[in-house]
mmCIF file of all heavy atoms, coordinates in Angstrom:
data_MODEL
# 
_entry.id   MODEL 
# 
loop_
_atom_site.group_PDB 
_atom_site.id 
_atom_site.type_symbol 
_atom_site.label_atom_id 
_atom_site.label_alt_id 
_atom_site.label_comp_id 
_atom_site.label_asym_id 
_atom_site.label_entity_id 
_atom_site.label_seq_id 
_atom_site.pdbx_PDB_ins_code 
_atom_site.Cartn_x 
_atom_site.Cartn_y 
_atom_site.Cartn_z 
_atom_site.occupancy 
_atom_site.B_iso_or_equiv 
_atom_site.pdbx_formal_charge 
_atom_site.auth_seq_id 
_atom_site.auth_comp_id 
_atom_site.auth_asym_id 
_atom_site.auth_atom_id 
_atom_site.pdbx_PDB_model_num 
ATOM 1   N N   . ALA A 1 1  ? 1.365  33.470 16.672 1.00 0.00 ? 1  ALA A N   1 
ATOM 2   C CA  . ALA A 1 1  ? 2.089  33.304 17.934 1.00 0.00 ? 1  ALA A CA  1 
ATOM 3   C C   . ALA A 1 1  ? 2.796  31.954 17.979 1.00 0.00 ? 1  ALA A C   1 
ATOM 4   O O   . ALA A 1 1  ? 2.380  30.997 17.321 1.00 0.00 ? 1  ALA A O   1 
ATOM 5   C CB  . ALA A 1 1  ? 1.131  33.418 19.105 1.00 0.00 ? 1  ALA A CB  1 
ATOM 6   N N   . LEU A 1 2  ? 3.866  31.887 18.774 1.00 0.00 ? 2  LEU A N   1 
ATOM 7   C CA  . LEU A 1 2  ? 4.546  30.623 19.014 1.00 0.00 ? 2  LEU A CA  1 
ATOM 8   C C   . LEU A 1 2  ? 3.664  29.748 19.895 1.00 0.00 ? 2  LEU A C   1 
ATOM 9   O O   . LEU A 1 2  ? 2.942  30.244 20.765 1.00 0.00 ? 2  LEU A O   1 
ATOM 10  C CB  . LEU A 1 2  ? 5.877  30.871 19.728 1.00 0.00 ? 2  LEU A CB  1 
ATOM 11  C CG  . LEU A 1 2  ? 6.959  31.575 18.923 1.00 0.00 ? 2  LEU A CG  1 
ATOM 12  C CD1 . LEU A 1 2  ? 8.134  31.915 19.823 1.00 0.00 ? 2  LEU A CD1 1 
ATOM 13  C CD2 . LEU A 1 2  ? 7.406  30.718 17.758 1.00 0.00 ? 2  LEU A CD2 1 
ATOM 14  N N   . ASP A 1 3  ? 3.749  28.445 19.675 1.00 0.00 ? 3  ASP A N   1 
ATOM 15  C CA  . ASP A 1 3  ? 3.016  27.508 20.525 1.00 0.00 ? 3  ASP A CA  1 
ATOM 16  C C   . ASP A 1 3  ? 3.783  27.296 21.826 1.00 0.00 ? 3  ASP A C   1 
ATOM 17  O O   . ASP A 1 3  ? 4.990  27.519 21.889 1.00 0.00 ? 3  ASP A O   1 
ATOM 18  C CB  . ASP A 1 3  ? 2.838  26.171 19.801 1.00 0.00 ? 3  ASP A CB  1 
ATOM 19  C CG  . ASP A 1 3  ? 1.925  26.291 18.588 1.00 0.00 ? 3  ASP A CG  1 
ATOM 20  O OD1 . ASP A 1 3  ? 1.241  27.315 18.467 1.00 0.00 ? 3  ASP A OD1 1 
ATOM 21  O OD2 . ASP A 1 3  ? 1.905  25.358 17.782 1.00 0.00 ? 3  ASP A OD2 1 
ATOM 22  N N   . ARG A 1 4  ? 3.079  26.821 22.850 1.00 0.00 ? 4  ARG A N   1 
ATOM 23  C CA  . ARG A 1 4  ? 3.698  26.589 24.150 1.00 0.00 ? 4  ARG A CA  1 
ATOM 24  C C   . ARG A 1 4  ? 3.831  25.102 24.401 1.00 0.00 ? 4  ARG A C   1 
ATOM 25  O O   . ARG A 1 4  ? 2.981  24.310 24.020 1.00 0.00 ? 4  ARG A O   1 
ATOM 26  C CB  . ARG A 1 4  ? 2.840  27.206 25.249 1.00 0.00 ? 4  ARG A CB  1 
ATOM 27  C CG  . ARG A 1 4  ? 2.682  28.705 25.064 1.00 0.00 ? 4  ARG A CG  1 
ATOM 28  C CD  . ARG A 1 4  ? 1.865  29.271 26.155 1.00 0.00 ? 4  ARG A CD  1 
ATOM 29  N NE  . ARG A 1 4  ? 2.795  29.698 27.183 1.00 0.00 ? 4  ARG A NE  1 
ATOM 30  C CZ  . ARG A 1 4  ? 2.437  30.175 28.349 1.00 0.00 ? 4  ARG A CZ  1 
ATOM 31  N NH1 . ARG A 1 4  ? 1.181  30.268 28.668 1.00 0.00 ? 4  ARG A NH1 1 
ATOM 32  N NH2 . ARG A 1 4  ? 3.332  30.561 29.211 1.00 0.00 ? 4  ARG A NH2 1 
ATOM 33  N N   . HIS A 1 5  ? 4.914  24.741 25.074 1.00 0.00 ? 5  HIS A N   1 
ATOM 34  C CA  . HIS A 1 5  ? 5.121  23.350 25.457 1.00 0.00 ? 5  HIS A CA  1 
ATOM 35  C C   . HIS A 1 5  ? 4.194  23.010 26.628 1.00 0.00 ? 5  HIS A C   1 
ATOM 36  O O   . HIS A 1 5  ? 4.132  23.743 27.605 1.00 0.00 ? 5  HIS A O   1 
ATOM 37  C CB  . HIS A 1 5  ? 6.578  23.116 25.876 1.00 0.00 ? 5  HIS A CB  1 
ATOM 38  C CG  . HIS A 1 5  ? 6.809  21.758 26.428 1.00 0.00 ? 5  HIS A CG  1 
ATOM 39  N ND1 . HIS A 1 5  ? 6.840  20.634 25.638 1.00 0.00 ? 5  HIS A ND1 1 
ATOM 40  C CD2 . HIS A 1 5  ? 6.994  21.344 27.690 1.00 0.00 ? 5  HIS A CD2 1 
ATOM 41  C CE1 . HIS A 1 5  ? 7.042  19.587 26.408 1.00 0.00 ? 5  HIS A CE1 1 
ATOM 42  N NE2 . HIS A 1 5  ? 7.141  19.997 27.650 1.00 0.00 ? 5  HIS A NE2 1 
ATOM 43  N N   . VAL A 1 6  ? 3.486  21.913 26.506 1.00 0.00 ? 6  VAL A N   1 
ATOM 44  C CA  . VAL A 1 6  ? 2.598  21.433 27.565 1.00 0.00 ? 6  VAL A CA  1 
ATOM 45  C C   . VAL A 1 6  ? 3.025  20.007 27.884 1.00 0.00 ? 6  VAL A C   1 
ATOM 46  O O   . VAL A 1 6  ? 2.874  19.103 27.047 1.00 0.00 ? 6  VAL A O   1 
ATOM 47  C CB  . VAL A 1 6  ? 1.114  21.463 27.118 1.00 0.00 ? 6  VAL A CB  1 
ATOM 48  C CG1 . VAL A 1 6  ? 0.209  20.965 28.222 1.00 0.00 ? 6  VAL A CG1 1 
ATOM 49  C CG2 . VAL A 1 6  ? 0.720  22.852 26.663 1.00 0.00 ? 6  VAL A CG2 1 
ATOM 50  N N   . SER A 1 7  ? 3.572  19.790 29.070 1.00 0.00 ? 7  SER A N   1 
ATOM 51  C CA  . SER A 1 7  ? 4.163  18.490 29.395 1.00 0.00 ? 7  SER A CA  1 
ATOM 52  C C   . SER A 1 7  ? 3.154  17.348 29.379 1.00 0.00 ? 7  SER A C   1 
ATOM 53  O O   . SER A 1 7  ? 3.534  16.195 29.219 1.00 0.00 ? 7  SER A O   1 
ATOM 54  C CB  . SER A 1 7  ? 4.872  18.557 30.749 1.00 0.00 ? 7  SER A CB  1 
ATOM 55  O OG  . SER A 1 7  ? 3.964  18.933 31.760 1.00 0.00 ? 7  SER A OG  1 
ATOM 56  N N   . THR A 1 8  ? 1.881  17.634 29.539 1.00 0.00 ? 8  THR A N   1 
ATOM 57  C CA  . THR A 1 8  ? 0.879  16.571 29.538 1.00 0.00 ? 8  THR A CA  1 
ATOM 58  C C   . THR A 1 8  ? 0.332  16.270 28.148 1.00 0.00 ? 8  THR A C   1 
ATOM 59  O O   . THR A 1 8  ? -0.523 15.409 27.993 1.00 0.00 ? 8  THR A O   1 
ATOM 60  C CB  . THR A 1 8  ? -0.299 16.936 30.464 1.00 0.00 ? 8  THR A CB  1 
ATOM 61  O OG1 . THR A 1 8  ? -0.856 18.183 30.040 1.00 0.00 ? 8  THR A OG1 1 
ATOM 62  C CG2 . THR A 1 8  ? 0.148  17.029 31.907 1.00 0.00 ? 8  THR A CG2 1 
ATOM 63  N N   . ARG A 1 9  ? 0.817  16.971 27.146 1.00 0.00 ? 9  ARG A N   1 
ATOM 64  C CA  . ARG A 1 9  ? 0.381  16.726 25.757 1.00 0.00 ? 9  ARG A CA  1 
ATOM 65  C C   . ARG A 1 9  ? 1.545  16.158 24.973 1.00 0.00 ? 9  ARG A C   1 
ATOM 66  O O   . ARG A 1 9  ? 2.584  16.813 24.826 1.00 0.00 ? 9  ARG A O   1 
ATOM 67  C CB  . ARG A 1 9  ? -0.093 18.029 25.122 1.00 0.00 ? 9  ARG A CB  1 
ATOM 68  C CG  . ARG A 1 9  ? -1.297 18.584 25.810 1.00 0.00 ? 9  ARG A CG  1 
ATOM 69  C CD  . ARG A 1 9  ? -2.286 18.927 24.773 1.00 0.00 ? 9  ARG A CD  1 
ATOM 70  N NE  . ARG A 1 9  ? -3.598 19.083 25.392 1.00 0.00 ? 9  ARG A NE  1 
ATOM 71  C CZ  . ARG A 1 9  ? -4.484 19.916 24.966 1.00 0.00 ? 9  ARG A CZ  1 
ATOM 72  N NH1 . ARG A 1 9  ? -4.224 20.675 23.943 1.00 0.00 ? 9  ARG A NH1 1 
ATOM 73  N NH2 . ARG A 1 9  ? -5.650 19.979 25.541 1.00 0.00 ? 9  ARG A NH2 1 
ATOM 74  N N   . TRP A 1 10 ? 1.375  14.978 24.447 1.00 0.00 ? 10 TRP A N   1 
ATOM 75  C CA  . TRP A 1 10 ? 2.466  14.276 23.771 1.00 0.00 ? 10 TRP A CA  1 
ATOM 76  C C   . TRP A 1 10 ? 2.938  15.003 22.517 1.00 0.00 ? 10 TRP A C   1 
ATOM 77  O O   . TRP A 1 10 ? 4.085  14.884 22.116 1.00 0.00 ? 10 TRP A O   1 
ATOM 78  C CB  . TRP A 1 10 ? 2.058  12.847 23.427 1.00 0.00 ? 10 TRP A CB  1 
ATOM 79  C CG  . TRP A 1 10 ? 0.959  12.773 22.406 1.00 0.00 ? 10 TRP A CG  1 
ATOM 80  C CD1 . TRP A 1 10 ? -0.379 12.747 22.649 1.00 0.00 ? 10 TRP A CD1 1 
ATOM 81  C CD2 . TRP A 1 10 ? 1.104  12.738 20.990 1.00 0.00 ? 10 TRP A CD2 1 
ATOM 82  N NE1 . TRP A 1 10 ? -1.082 12.701 21.475 1.00 0.00 ? 10 TRP A NE1 1 
ATOM 83  C CE2 . TRP A 1 10 ? -0.205 12.682 20.438 1.00 0.00 ? 10 TRP A CE2 1 
ATOM 84  C CE3 . TRP A 1 10 ? 2.194  12.737 20.116 1.00 0.00 ? 10 TRP A CE3 1 
ATOM 85  C CZ2 . TRP A 1 10 ? -0.433 12.637 19.064 1.00 0.00 ? 10 TRP A CZ2 1 
ATOM 86  C CZ3 . TRP A 1 10 ? 1.957  12.695 18.758 1.00 0.00 ? 10 TRP A CZ3 1 
ATOM 87  C CH2 . TRP A 1 10 ? 0.659  12.634 18.241 1.00 0.00 ? 10 TRP A CH2 1 
ATOM 88  N N   . ASN A 1 11 ? 2.079  15.744 21.865 1.00 0.00 ? 11 ASN A N   1 
ATOM 89  C CA  . ASN A 1 11 ? 2.459  16.381 20.601 1.00 0.00 ? 11 ASN A CA  1 
ATOM 90  C C   . ASN A 1 11 ? 2.843  17.847 20.745 1.00 0.00 ? 11 ASN A C   1 
ATOM 91  O O   . ASN A 1 11 ? 3.054  18.523 19.746 1.00 0.00 ? 11 ASN A O   1 
ATOM 92  C CB  . ASN A 1 11 ? 1.338  16.234 19.577 1.00 0.00 ? 11 ASN A CB  1 
ATOM 93  C CG  . ASN A 1 11 ? 0.058  16.915 20.008 1.00 0.00 ? 11 ASN A CG  1 
ATOM 94  O OD1 . ASN A 1 11 ? -0.108 17.245 21.175 1.00 0.00 ? 11 ASN A OD1 1 
ATOM 95  N ND2 . ASN A 1 11 ? -0.850 17.115 19.085 1.00 0.00 ? 11 ASN A ND2 1 
ATOM 96  N N   . SER A 1 12 ? 2.963  18.351 21.948 1.00 0.00 ? 12 SER A N   1 
ATOM 97  C CA  . SER A 1 12 ? 3.282  19.774 22.085 1.00 0.00 ? 12 SER A CA  1 
ATOM 98  C C   . SER A 1 12 ? 4.715  20.088 21.660 1.00 0.00 ? 12 SER A C   1 
ATOM 99  O O   . SER A 1 12 ? 4.999  21.200 21.215 1.00 0.00 ? 12 SER A O   1 
ATOM 100 C CB  . SER A 1 12 ? 3.012  20.279 23.502 1.00 0.00 ? 12 SER A CB  1 
ATOM 101 O OG  . SER A 1 12 ? 3.938  19.760 24.423 1.00 0.00 ? 12 SER A OG  1 
ATOM 102 N N   . ASP A 1 13 ? 5.630  19.125 21.767 1.00 0.00 ? 13 ASP A N   1 
ATOM 103 C CA  . ASP A 1 13 ? 6.993  19.355 21.290 1.00 0.00 ? 13 ASP A CA  1 
ATOM 104 C C   . ASP A 1 13 ? 6.995  19.609 19.788 1.00 0.00 ? 13 ASP A C   1 
ATOM 105 O O   . ASP A 1 13 ? 7.671  20.511 19.302 1.00 0.00 ? 13 ASP A O   1 
ATOM 106 C CB  . ASP A 1 13 ? 7.905  18.169 21.619 1.00 0.00 ? 13 ASP A CB  1 
ATOM 107 C CG  . ASP A 1 13 ? 8.224  18.073 23.097 1.00 0.00 ? 13 ASP A CG  1 
ATOM 108 O OD1 . ASP A 1 13 ? 8.326  19.128 23.749 1.00 0.00 ? 13 ASP A OD1 1 
ATOM 109 O OD2 . ASP A 1 13 ? 8.375  16.950 23.594 1.00 0.00 ? 13 ASP A OD2 1 
ATOM 110 N N   . LEU A 1 14 ? 6.229  18.812 19.058 1.00 0.00 ? 14 LEU A N   1 
ATOM 111 C CA  . LEU A 1 14 ? 6.129  19.012 17.613 1.00 0.00 ? 14 LEU A CA  1 
ATOM 112 C C   . LEU A 1 14 ? 5.481  20.359 17.299 1.00 0.00 ? 14 LEU A C   1 
ATOM 113 O O   . LEU A 1 14 ? 5.946  21.083 16.423 1.00 0.00 ? 14 LEU A O   1 
ATOM 114 C CB  . LEU A 1 14 ? 5.336  17.882 16.961 1.00 0.00 ? 14 LEU A CB  1 
ATOM 115 C CG  . LEU A 1 14 ? 5.095  18.019 15.455 1.00 0.00 ? 14 LEU A CG  1 
ATOM 116 C CD1 . LEU A 1 14 ? 6.403  18.164 14.686 1.00 0.00 ? 14 LEU A CD1 1 
ATOM 117 C CD2 . LEU A 1 14 ? 4.279  16.847 14.937 1.00 0.00 ? 14 LEU A CD2 1 
ATOM 118 N N   . SER A 1 15 ? 4.441  20.720 18.032 1.00 0.00 ? 15 SER A N   1 
ATOM 119 C CA  . SER A 1 15 ? 3.779  22.015 17.806 1.00 0.00 ? 15 SER A CA  1 
ATOM 120 C C   . SER A 1 15 ? 4.742  23.174 18.043 1.00 0.00 ? 15 SER A C   1 
ATOM 121 O O   . SER A 1 15 ? 4.779  24.127 17.254 1.00 0.00 ? 15 SER A O   1 
ATOM 122 C CB  . SER A 1 15 ? 2.561  22.163 18.719 1.00 0.00 ? 15 SER A CB  1 
ATOM 123 O OG  . SER A 1 15 ? 1.594  21.203 18.407 1.00 0.00 ? 15 SER A OG  1 
ATOM 124 N N   . CYS A 1 16 ? 5.523  23.093 19.109 1.00 0.00 ? 16 CYS A N   1 
ATOM 125 C CA  . CYS A 1 16 ? 6.504  24.147 19.406 1.00 0.00 ? 16 CYS A CA  1 
ATOM 126 C C   . CYS A 1 16 ? 7.570  24.220 18.318 1.00 0.00 ? 16 CYS A C   1 
ATOM 127 O O   . CYS A 1 16 ? 7.935  25.307 17.863 1.00 0.00 ? 16 CYS A O   1 
ATOM 128 C CB  . CYS A 1 16 ? 7.166  23.884 20.752 1.00 0.00 ? 16 CYS A CB  1 
ATOM 129 S SG  . CYS A 1 16 ? 6.102  24.144 22.160 1.00 0.00 ? 16 CYS A SG  1 
ATOM 130 N N   . LEU A 1 17 ? 8.055  23.068 17.895 1.00 0.00 ? 17 LEU A N   1 
ATOM 131 C CA  . LEU A 1 17 ? 9.072  23.031 16.855 1.00 0.00 ? 17 LEU A CA  1 
ATOM 132 C C   . LEU A 1 17 ? 8.523  23.563 15.534 1.00 0.00 ? 17 LEU A C   1 
ATOM 133 O O   . LEU A 1 17 ? 9.179  24.351 14.853 1.00 0.00 ? 17 LEU A O   1 
ATOM 134 C CB  . LEU A 1 17 ? 9.585  21.603 16.691 1.00 0.00 ? 17 LEU A CB  1 
ATOM 135 C CG  . LEU A 1 17 ? 10.818 21.389 15.859 1.00 0.00 ? 17 LEU A CG  1 
ATOM 136 C CD1 . LEU A 1 17 ? 11.973 22.268 16.319 1.00 0.00 ? 17 LEU A CD1 1 
ATOM 137 C CD2 . LEU A 1 17 ? 11.210 19.932 15.877 1.00 0.00 ? 17 LEU A CD2 1 
ATOM 138 N N   . ASP A 1 18 ? 7.297  23.150 15.196 1.00 0.00 ? 18 ASP A N   1 
ATOM 139 C CA  . ASP A 1 18 ? 6.655  23.659 13.979 1.00 0.00 ? 18 ASP A CA  1 
ATOM 140 C C   . ASP A 1 18 ? 6.567  25.181 14.005 1.00 0.00 ? 18 ASP A C   1 
ATOM 141 O O   . ASP A 1 18 ? 6.866  25.854 13.016 1.00 0.00 ? 18 ASP A O   1 
ATOM 142 C CB  . ASP A 1 18 ? 5.237  23.092 13.825 1.00 0.00 ? 18 ASP A CB  1 
ATOM 143 C CG  . ASP A 1 18 ? 5.210  21.654 13.373 1.00 0.00 ? 18 ASP A CG  1 
ATOM 144 O OD1 . ASP A 1 18 ? 6.234  21.146 12.867 1.00 0.00 ? 18 ASP A OD1 1 
ATOM 145 O OD2 . ASP A 1 18 ? 4.146  21.017 13.528 1.00 0.00 ? 18 ASP A OD2 1 
ATOM 146 N N   . ALA A 1 19 ? 6.157  25.725 15.140 1.00 0.00 ? 19 ALA A N   1 
ATOM 147 C CA  . ALA A 1 19 ? 5.994  27.177 15.265 1.00 0.00 ? 19 ALA A CA  1 
ATOM 148 C C   . ALA A 1 19 ? 7.337  27.899 15.145 1.00 0.00 ? 19 ALA A C   1 
ATOM 149 O O   . ALA A 1 19 ? 7.434  28.942 14.491 1.00 0.00 ? 19 ALA A O   1 
ATOM 150 C CB  . ALA A 1 19 ? 5.321  27.525 16.583 1.00 0.00 ? 19 ALA A CB  1 
ATOM 151 N N   . HIS A 1 20 ? 8.388  27.359 15.773 1.00 0.00 ? 20 HIS A N   1 
ATOM 152 C CA  . HIS A 1 20 ? 9.694  28.015 15.697 1.00 0.00 ? 20 HIS A CA  1 
ATOM 153 C C   . HIS A 1 20 ? 10.252 27.990 14.275 1.00 0.00 ? 20 HIS A C   1 
ATOM 154 O O   . HIS A 1 20 ? 10.826 28.977 13.822 1.00 0.00 ? 20 HIS A O   1 
ATOM 155 C CB  . HIS A 1 20 ? 10.673 27.378 16.688 1.00 0.00 ? 20 HIS A CB  1 
ATOM 156 C CG  . HIS A 1 20 ? 10.602 27.992 18.031 1.00 0.00 ? 20 HIS A CG  1 
ATOM 157 N ND1 . HIS A 1 20 ? 9.579  27.731 18.903 1.00 0.00 ? 20 HIS A ND1 1 
ATOM 158 C CD2 . HIS A 1 20 ? 11.405 28.886 18.639 1.00 0.00 ? 20 HIS A CD2 1 
ATOM 159 C CE1 . HIS A 1 20 ? 9.764  28.428 19.997 1.00 0.00 ? 20 HIS A CE1 1 
ATOM 160 N NE2 . HIS A 1 20 ? 10.855 29.147 19.860 1.00 0.00 ? 20 HIS A NE2 1 
ATOM 161 N N   . VAL A 1 21 ? 10.083 26.878 13.585 1.00 0.00 ? 21 VAL A N   1 
ATOM 162 C CA  . VAL A 1 21 ? 10.554 26.807 12.197 1.00 0.00 ? 21 VAL A CA  1 
ATOM 163 C C   . VAL A 1 21 ? 9.722  27.748 11.326 1.00 0.00 ? 21 VAL A C   1 
ATOM 164 O O   . VAL A 1 21 ? 10.251 28.462 10.474 1.00 0.00 ? 21 VAL A O   1 
ATOM 165 C CB  . VAL A 1 21 ? 10.515 25.347 11.679 1.00 0.00 ? 21 VAL A CB  1 
ATOM 166 C CG1 . VAL A 1 21 ? 10.783 25.289 10.189 1.00 0.00 ? 21 VAL A CG1 1 
ATOM 167 C CG2 . VAL A 1 21 ? 11.531 24.496 12.447 1.00 0.00 ? 21 VAL A CG2 1 
ATOM 168 N N   . TYR A 1 22 ? 8.427  27.783 11.552 1.00 0.00 ? 22 TYR A N   1 
ATOM 169 C CA  . TYR A 1 22 ? 7.528  28.673 10.800 1.00 0.00 ? 22 TYR A CA  1 
ATOM 170 C C   . TYR A 1 22 ? 7.915  30.136 10.990 1.00 0.00 ? 22 TYR A C   1 
ATOM 171 O O   . TYR A 1 22 ? 7.955  30.918 10.049 1.00 0.00 ? 22 TYR A O   1 
ATOM 172 C CB  . TYR A 1 22 ? 6.087  28.428 11.274 1.00 0.00 ? 22 TYR A CB  1 
ATOM 173 C CG  . TYR A 1 22 ? 5.050  29.296 10.621 1.00 0.00 ? 22 TYR A CG  1 
ATOM 174 C CD1 . TYR A 1 22 ? 4.531  28.974 9.368  1.00 0.00 ? 22 TYR A CD1 1 
ATOM 175 C CD2 . TYR A 1 22 ? 4.564  30.436 11.256 1.00 0.00 ? 22 TYR A CD2 1 
ATOM 176 C CE1 . TYR A 1 22 ? 3.557  29.764 8.770  1.00 0.00 ? 22 TYR A CE1 1 
ATOM 177 C CE2 . TYR A 1 22 ? 3.591  31.229 10.668 1.00 0.00 ? 22 TYR A CE2 1 
ATOM 178 C CZ  . TYR A 1 22 ? 3.095  30.885 9.425  1.00 0.00 ? 22 TYR A CZ  1 
ATOM 179 O OH  . TYR A 1 22 ? 2.138  31.669 8.841  1.00 0.00 ? 22 TYR A OH  1 
ATOM 180 N N   . PHE A 1 23 ? 8.218  30.498 12.245 1.00 0.00 ? 23 PHE A N   1 
ATOM 181 C CA  . PHE A 1 23 ? 8.563  31.889 12.573 1.00 0.00 ? 23 PHE A CA  1 
ATOM 182 C C   . PHE A 1 23 ? 10.073 32.135 12.580 1.00 0.00 ? 23 PHE A C   1 
ATOM 183 O O   . PHE A 1 23 ? 10.540 33.091 13.203 1.00 0.00 ? 23 PHE A O   1 
ATOM 184 C CB  . PHE A 1 23 ? 7.993  32.271 13.944 1.00 0.00 ? 23 PHE A CB  1 
ATOM 185 C CG  . PHE A 1 23 ? 6.520  32.512 13.961 1.00 0.00 ? 23 PHE A CG  1 
ATOM 186 C CD1 . PHE A 1 23 ? 5.683  31.704 14.711 1.00 0.00 ? 23 PHE A CD1 1 
ATOM 187 C CD2 . PHE A 1 23 ? 5.963  33.541 13.236 1.00 0.00 ? 23 PHE A CD2 1 
ATOM 188 C CE1 . PHE A 1 23 ? 4.316  31.935 14.739 1.00 0.00 ? 23 PHE A CE1 1 
ATOM 189 C CE2 . PHE A 1 23 ? 4.605  33.780 13.253 1.00 0.00 ? 23 PHE A CE2 1 
ATOM 190 C CZ  . PHE A 1 23 ? 3.777  32.966 14.012 1.00 0.00 ? 23 PHE A CZ  1 
ATOM 191 N N   . ARG A 1 24 ? 10.837 31.315 11.907 1.00 0.00 ? 24 ARG A N   1 
ATOM 192 C CA  . ARG A 1 24 ? 12.288 31.426 11.959 1.00 0.00 ? 24 ARG A CA  1 
ATOM 193 C C   . ARG A 1 24 ? 12.807 32.849 11.738 1.00 0.00 ? 24 ARG A C   1 
ATOM 194 O O   . ARG A 1 24 ? 13.643 33.317 12.524 1.00 0.00 ? 24 ARG A O   1 
ATOM 195 C CB  . ARG A 1 24 ? 12.935 30.469 10.952 1.00 0.00 ? 24 ARG A CB  1 
ATOM 196 C CG  . ARG A 1 24 ? 14.449 30.562 10.983 1.00 0.00 ? 24 ARG A CG  1 
ATOM 197 C CD  . ARG A 1 24 ? 15.116 29.604 10.049 1.00 0.00 ? 24 ARG A CD  1 
ATOM 198 N NE  . ARG A 1 24 ? 16.565 29.817 10.066 1.00 0.00 ? 24 ARG A NE  1 
ATOM 199 C CZ  . ARG A 1 24 ? 17.430 29.065 9.438  1.00 0.00 ? 24 ARG A CZ  1 
ATOM 200 N NH1 . ARG A 1 24 ? 17.004 28.031 8.735  1.00 0.00 ? 24 ARG A NH1 1 
ATOM 201 N NH2 . ARG A 1 24 ? 18.708 29.330 9.512  1.00 0.00 ? 24 ARG A NH2 1 
ATOM 202 N N   . PRO A 1 25 ? 12.356 33.578 10.708 1.00 0.00 ? 25 PRO A N   1 
ATOM 203 C CA  . PRO A 1 25 ? 12.888 34.936 10.527 1.00 0.00 ? 25 PRO A CA  1 
ATOM 204 C C   . PRO A 1 25 ? 12.658 35.833 11.752 1.00 0.00 ? 25 PRO A C   1 
ATOM 205 O O   . PRO A 1 25 ? 13.543 36.597 12.149 1.00 0.00 ? 25 PRO A O   1 
ATOM 206 C CB  . PRO A 1 25 ? 12.119 35.480 9.318  1.00 0.00 ? 25 PRO A CB  1 
ATOM 207 C CG  . PRO A 1 25 ? 11.601 34.278 8.606  1.00 0.00 ? 25 PRO A CG  1 
ATOM 208 C CD  . PRO A 1 25 ? 11.379 33.237 9.665  1.00 0.00 ? 25 PRO A CD  1 
ATOM 209 N N   . VAL A 1 26 ? 11.508 35.723 12.356 1.00 0.00 ? 26 VAL A N   1 
ATOM 210 C CA  . VAL A 1 26 ? 11.193 36.551 13.530 1.00 0.00 ? 26 VAL A CA  1 
ATOM 211 C C   . VAL A 1 26 ? 11.989 36.084 14.745 1.00 0.00 ? 26 VAL A C   1 
ATOM 212 O O   . VAL A 1 26 ? 12.530 36.896 15.506 1.00 0.00 ? 26 VAL A O   1 
ATOM 213 C CB  . VAL A 1 26 ? 9.681  36.530 13.814 1.00 0.00 ? 26 VAL A CB  1 
ATOM 214 C CG1 . VAL A 1 26 ? 9.351  37.314 15.065 1.00 0.00 ? 26 VAL A CG1 1 
ATOM 215 C CG2 . VAL A 1 26 ? 8.916  37.060 12.625 1.00 0.00 ? 26 VAL A CG2 1 
ATOM 216 N N   . VAL A 1 27 ? 12.067 34.761 14.945 1.00 0.00 ? 27 VAL A N   1 
ATOM 217 C CA  . VAL A 1 27 ? 12.839 34.214 16.065 1.00 0.00 ? 27 VAL A CA  1 
ATOM 218 C C   . VAL A 1 27 ? 14.295 34.639 15.949 1.00 0.00 ? 27 VAL A C   1 
ATOM 219 O O   . VAL A 1 27 ? 14.919 35.036 16.950 1.00 0.00 ? 27 VAL A O   1 
ATOM 220 C CB  . VAL A 1 27 ? 12.707 32.671 16.124 1.00 0.00 ? 27 VAL A CB  1 
ATOM 221 C CG1 . VAL A 1 27 ? 13.688 32.071 17.111 1.00 0.00 ? 27 VAL A CG1 1 
ATOM 222 C CG2 . VAL A 1 27 ? 11.282 32.267 16.477 1.00 0.00 ? 27 VAL A CG2 1 
ATOM 223 N N   . GLU A 1 28 ? 14.841 34.598 14.746 1.00 0.00 ? 28 GLU A N   1 
ATOM 224 C CA  . GLU A 1 28 ? 16.232 35.026 14.554 1.00 0.00 ? 28 GLU A CA  1 
ATOM 225 C C   . GLU A 1 28 ? 16.413 36.516 14.861 1.00 0.00 ? 28 GLU A C   1 
ATOM 226 O O   . GLU A 1 28 ? 17.414 36.905 15.455 1.00 0.00 ? 28 GLU A O   1 
ATOM 227 C CB  . GLU A 1 28 ? 16.695 34.708 13.134 1.00 0.00 ? 28 GLU A CB  1 
ATOM 228 C CG  . GLU A 1 28 ? 16.918 33.227 12.917 1.00 0.00 ? 28 GLU A CG  1 
ATOM 229 C CD  . GLU A 1 28 ? 17.426 32.886 11.538 1.00 0.00 ? 28 GLU A CD  1 
ATOM 230 O OE1 . GLU A 1 28 ? 16.971 33.519 10.555 1.00 0.00 ? 28 GLU A OE1 1 
ATOM 231 O OE2 . GLU A 1 28 ? 18.270 31.995 11.444 1.00 0.00 ? 28 GLU A OE2 1 
# 
């Protein structure tokens, strides 16, 4: 599954970006 952005977690942007790049074929 894709990760979710959590505004109170400093690293959630990286987690979301990692997940989108990982799932690029599916996201596309």
